[in-house]
Amino acid sequence: MDTVIQQVTNNLKRYEMVRKAGRGAERYLLNGIETVLDFRYNIHTRSNDVNPAFQDDEGYDPISYPGLKCIQEKVGIAEGEVLVDIGCGRGRAICLFSRLPAVARCIGIEYHLGHARIAQKNAHNVRGGVAPITVIHGDAAEQSYDDTTLIFLFNPFGEATMRRTIDRIGLSLQERPRPIRLVYVNPKHENVLAEQPWLTKIDSFFIPNRIHRSLPTSLWRATGHAQG
């Protein structure tokens, strides 16, 4: 029996070594692909900095390029779209969507000053961008969302900040009723959206984010204006 247990243990160790090597190769390949695409668009958005910038922060990890393409196809981009990326990091999403003729304006909100500065530089340098890009360094819960029609969140913060931010968006709708959609990638705090009577979940899907891996994503729509 001891011999069998030892053999199983050894096999598990070898499997773990192979699995770790596979993850390393996967990261190397993905980094190479993202570096090439950054170069193509003349921006620098790849980063391994997932360290929180504040207590309720989830850290920076950009959506993959295939993931953004999937969102574009699933959600659709309306003519005159005003797109806001909450927790925009280094600005990959806003730079990429600024290249679409239907988009009127892109806005990125980022609390981490270092990432916000890089996002501003990327917004200035992005190749093929047609829509103007504004990058705001600050708290998402203290911004104005009055012109917004499409909102992105890639799990940027915890439940407390999510509640404050959604309340702020609701206030914007109360003051200026209009159709908006909200895309929530890796929706860990989806319950906050579900509690809002003015938001309705209209779709859920998965987007590619790493090789052989995907992220759950939900799509929400304002069904009216928020009540005061």
Protein backbone atom coordinates (compact mmCIF):
# COMPACT_ATOMS: atom_id res chain seq x y z
CA MET A 1 0.00 0.00 0.00
CA ASP A 2 2.80 2.44 0.89
CA THR A 3 4.40 1.77 -2.50
CA VAL A 4 1.16 2.53 -4.33
CA ILE A 5 0.69 5.75 -2.39
CA GLN A 6 4.26 6.79 -3.16
CA GLN A 7 3.75 6.09 -6.87
CA VAL A 8 0.56 8.16 -6.93
CA THR A 9 2.32 10.98 -5.09
CA ASN A 10 5.21 10.94 -7.57
CA ASN A 11 2.81 10.94 -10.52
CA LEU A 12 0.93 13.90 -9.06
CA LYS A 13 4.18 15.81 -8.62
CA ARG A 14 5.19 15.12 -12.23
CA TYR A 15 1.73 16.19 -13.41
CA GLU A 16 1.99 19.43 -11.43
CA MET A 17 5.40 20.16 -12.97
CA VAL A 18 4.00 19.62 -16.47
CA ARG A 19 0.96 21.76 -15.65
CA LYS A 20 3.14 24.61 -14.38
CA ALA A 21 5.33 24.38 -17.48
CA GLY A 22 2.19 24.52 -19.63
CA ARG A 23 0.95 27.62 -17.83
CA GLY A 24 4.34 29.25 -18.33
CA ALA A 25 4.30 28.50 -22.06
CA GLU A 26 0.75 29.80 -22.27
CA ARG A 27 1.69 33.08 -20.59
CA TYR A 28 4.73 33.44 -22.85
CA LEU A 29 2.63 32.92 -26.00
CA LEU A 30 -0.13 35.25 -24.82
CA ASN A 31 2.33 37.98 -23.90
CA GLY A 32 3.87 37.69 -27.35
CA ILE A 33 0.51 38.00 -29.08
CA GLU A 34 -0.51 41.00 -26.97
CA THR A 35 2.84 42.69 -27.55
CA VAL A 36 2.39 42.32 -31.31
CA LEU A 37 -1.13 43.75 -31.18
CA ASP A 38 -0.04 46.63 -28.96
CA PHE A 39 2.64 47.39 -31.56
CA ARG A 40 0.07 47.22 -34.35
CA TYR A 41 -2.11 49.84 -32.62
CA ASN A 42 0.90 51.88 -31.43
CA ILE A 43 -0.04 51.59 -27.76
CA HIS A 44 1.41 49.96 -24.64
CA THR A 45 -1.28 48.26 -22.56
CA ARG A 46 0.16 44.89 -21.52
CA SER A 47 0.97 44.69 -17.83
CA ASN A 48 1.34 42.16 -15.04
CA ASP A 49 0.53 44.74 -12.37
CA VAL A 50 -2.45 43.28 -10.56
CA ASN A 51 -1.62 44.98 -7.25
CA PRO A 52 -4.56 46.94 -5.79
CA ALA A 53 -4.28 50.73 -5.89
CA PHE A 54 -6.73 51.18 -2.99
CA GLN A 55 -8.56 49.05 -0.45
CA ASP A 56 -11.49 48.13 -2.70
CA ASP A 57 -9.42 47.75 -5.89
CA GLU A 58 -9.17 44.48 -7.85
CA GLY A 59 -5.89 45.41 -9.60
CA TYR A 60 -5.10 45.87 -13.29
CA ASP A 61 -5.50 43.06 -15.79
CA PRO A 62 -6.61 44.14 -19.29
CA ILE A 63 -9.24 42.27 -21.27
CA SER A 64 -7.60 40.29 -24.06
CA TYR A 65 -7.88 41.58 -27.61
CA PRO A 66 -10.05 38.59 -28.64
CA GLY A 67 -12.23 39.31 -25.62
CA LEU A 68 -12.80 42.90 -26.73
CA LYS A 69 -13.62 41.72 -30.25
CA CYS A 70 -16.14 39.27 -28.81
CA ILE A 71 -17.78 42.04 -26.75
CA GLN A 72 -18.06 44.22 -29.85
CA GLU A 73 -19.81 41.43 -31.75
CA LYS A 74 -22.11 40.41 -28.88
CA VAL A 75 -23.11 43.87 -27.71
CA GLY A 76 -23.02 45.83 -30.95
CA ILE A 77 -21.98 49.46 -31.29
CA ALA A 78 -24.72 51.99 -32.00
CA GLU A 79 -24.20 55.11 -34.07
CA GLY A 80 -23.07 58.00 -31.87
CA GLU A 81 -22.08 55.71 -28.98
CA VAL A 82 -20.49 57.38 -25.96
CA LEU A 83 -18.45 54.66 -24.31
CA VAL A 84 -17.08 54.76 -20.76
CA ASP A 85 -14.60 52.20 -19.42
CA ILE A 86 -14.70 52.27 -15.62
CA GLY A 87 -11.29 51.18 -14.38
CA CYS A 88 -9.76 51.60 -17.83
CA GLY A 89 -6.22 50.72 -16.74
CA ARG A 90 -3.82 51.64 -19.53
CA GLY A 91 -6.65 52.25 -21.95
CA ARG A 92 -6.73 49.19 -24.19
CA ALA A 93 -10.53 49.10 -24.56
CA ILE A 94 -11.02 52.83 -25.15
CA CYS A 95 -8.16 52.92 -27.67
CA LEU A 96 -9.51 49.95 -29.58
CA PHE A 97 -13.11 51.19 -29.65
CA SER A 98 -12.01 54.69 -30.64
CA ARG A 99 -11.12 53.16 -34.01
CA LEU A 100 -14.78 52.38 -34.78
CA PRO A 101 -16.52 55.02 -36.95
CA ALA A 102 -19.84 54.64 -35.06
CA VAL A 103 -18.30 55.68 -31.74
CA ALA A 104 -18.68 59.38 -30.96
CA ARG A 105 -16.48 59.51 -27.87
CA CYS A 106 -14.52 57.25 -25.50
CA ILE A 107 -13.93 58.00 -21.83
CA GLY A 108 -11.67 56.09 -19.49
CA ILE A 109 -11.82 56.42 -15.70
CA GLU A 110 -8.82 55.17 -13.75
CA TYR A 111 -7.94 55.62 -10.07
CA HIS A 112 -4.31 54.47 -10.39
CA LEU A 113 -2.30 57.55 -11.43
CA GLY A 114 0.47 55.61 -13.17
CA HIS A 115 -1.97 53.66 -15.34
CA ALA A 116 -4.02 56.80 -16.06
CA ARG A 117 -0.94 58.60 -17.36
CA ILE A 118 -0.07 55.68 -19.66
CA ALA A 119 -3.70 55.56 -20.83
CA GLN A 120 -3.52 59.26 -21.72
CA LYS A 121 -0.35 58.65 -23.72
CA ASN A 122 -1.93 55.67 -25.48
CA ALA A 123 -5.04 57.73 -26.27
CA HIS A 124 -2.82 60.30 -27.96
CA ASN A 125 -0.78 57.75 -29.90
CA VAL A 126 -3.31 55.07 -30.92
CA ARG A 127 -3.06 54.27 -34.60
CA GLY A 128 -6.32 54.61 -36.53
CA GLY A 129 -8.31 56.26 -33.76
CA VAL A 130 -11.18 58.42 -35.00
CA ALA A 131 -13.24 59.11 -31.87
CA PRO A 132 -11.83 61.55 -29.28
CA ILE A 133 -10.63 59.92 -26.05
CA THR A 134 -10.71 61.44 -22.58
CA VAL A 135 -8.91 59.78 -19.66
CA ILE A 136 -10.00 60.83 -16.18
CA HIS A 137 -7.84 60.12 -13.14
CA GLY A 138 -10.17 59.78 -10.16
CA ASP A 139 -12.85 57.88 -8.27
CA ALA A 140 -15.46 56.30 -10.56
CA ALA A 141 -18.15 56.98 -7.96
CA GLU A 142 -17.54 60.74 -8.20
CA GLN A 143 -17.73 61.16 -11.98
CA SER A 144 -20.49 62.40 -14.26
CA TYR A 145 -22.12 59.84 -16.57
CA ASP A 146 -24.59 62.22 -18.19
CA ASP A 147 -23.62 61.51 -21.83
CA THR A 148 -22.87 57.82 -21.43
CA THR A 149 -24.65 55.24 -23.58
CA LEU A 150 -22.38 52.20 -23.12
CA ILE A 151 -20.47 51.36 -19.92
CA PHE A 152 -17.70 48.77 -19.48
CA LEU A 153 -16.56 47.23 -16.21
CA PHE A 154 -13.96 44.49 -15.96
CA ASN A 155 -14.44 43.73 -12.26
CA PRO A 156 -12.58 46.94 -11.36
CA PHE A 157 -13.43 47.09 -7.66
CA GLY A 158 -15.28 45.53 -4.76
CA GLU A 159 -18.91 45.70 -3.74
CA ALA A 160 -18.68 48.94 -1.75
CA THR A 161 -17.27 50.98 -4.64
CA MET A 162 -19.59 49.21 -7.07
CA ARG A 163 -22.62 50.38 -5.08
CA ARG A 164 -21.39 53.97 -5.02
CA THR A 165 -20.67 53.92 -8.74
CA ILE A 166 -24.00 52.36 -9.74
CA ASP A 167 -25.79 54.92 -7.56
CA ARG A 168 -23.96 57.64 -9.45
CA ILE A 169 -25.01 56.18 -12.80
CA GLY A 170 -28.58 55.95 -11.51
CA LEU A 171 -28.49 59.62 -10.56
CA SER A 172 -27.38 60.45 -14.08
CA LEU A 173 -30.37 58.57 -15.49
CA GLN A 174 -32.71 60.30 -13.07
CA GLU A 175 -31.49 63.68 -14.27
CA ARG A 176 -31.34 62.70 -17.94
CA PRO A 177 -33.39 59.61 -18.88
CA ARG A 178 -31.91 57.79 -21.89
CA PRO A 179 -31.10 54.28 -23.06
CA ILE A 180 -27.85 52.87 -21.73
CA ARG A 181 -26.21 49.45 -21.70
CA LEU A 182 -23.72 48.12 -19.20
CA VAL A 183 -21.20 45.36 -19.91
CA TYR A 184 -19.84 43.66 -16.79
CA VAL A 185 -16.91 41.28 -17.34
CA ASN A 186 -16.14 38.79 -14.56
CA PRO A 187 -19.23 39.99 -12.67
CA LYS A 188 -18.32 39.16 -9.09
CA HIS A 189 -20.72 41.73 -7.67
CA GLU A 190 -23.58 41.28 -10.11
CA ASN A 191 -25.99 41.31 -7.17
CA VAL A 192 -25.54 45.08 -6.95
CA LEU A 193 -26.87 45.48 -10.50
CA ALA A 194 -29.66 42.98 -9.94
CA GLU A 195 -30.93 45.06 -7.01
CA GLN A 196 -31.51 48.12 -9.21
CA PRO A 197 -35.12 48.36 -10.47
CA TRP A 198 -33.96 50.41 -13.46
CA LEU A 199 -31.52 47.75 -14.71
CA THR A 200 -32.47 44.53 -16.50
CA LYS A 201 -30.08 41.75 -17.43
CA ILE A 202 -30.59 41.00 -21.11
CA ASP A 203 -27.75 38.60 -21.91
CA SER A 204 -24.86 36.60 -20.48
CA PHE A 205 -21.99 35.01 -22.36
CA PHE A 206 -18.33 34.10 -22.12
CA ILE A 207 -15.44 35.96 -23.71
CA PRO A 208 -11.97 34.57 -24.44
CA ASN A 209 -9.39 36.06 -22.12
CA ARG A 210 -6.57 33.54 -21.89
CA ILE A 211 -5.70 30.54 -24.01
CA HIS A 212 -8.23 27.78 -23.24
CA ARG A 213 -9.87 30.09 -20.68
CA SER A 214 -12.83 32.43 -20.76
CA LEU A 215 -14.56 34.97 -18.56
CA PRO A 216 -18.28 35.24 -17.77
CA THR A 217 -19.80 38.50 -18.97
CA SER A 218 -23.24 39.97 -18.45
CA LEU A 219 -25.07 42.65 -20.42
CA TRP A 220 -27.54 45.00 -18.74
CA ARG A 221 -29.91 47.64 -20.06
CA ALA A 222 -31.63 50.56 -18.37
CA THR A 223 -35.37 49.93 -18.60
CA GLY A 224 -36.34 53.48 -17.73
CA HIS A 225 -34.94 56.18 -15.52
CA ALA A 226 -33.77 55.68 -11.97
CA GLN A 227 -36.14 56.88 -9.31
CA GLY A 228 -35.01 59.44 -6.76
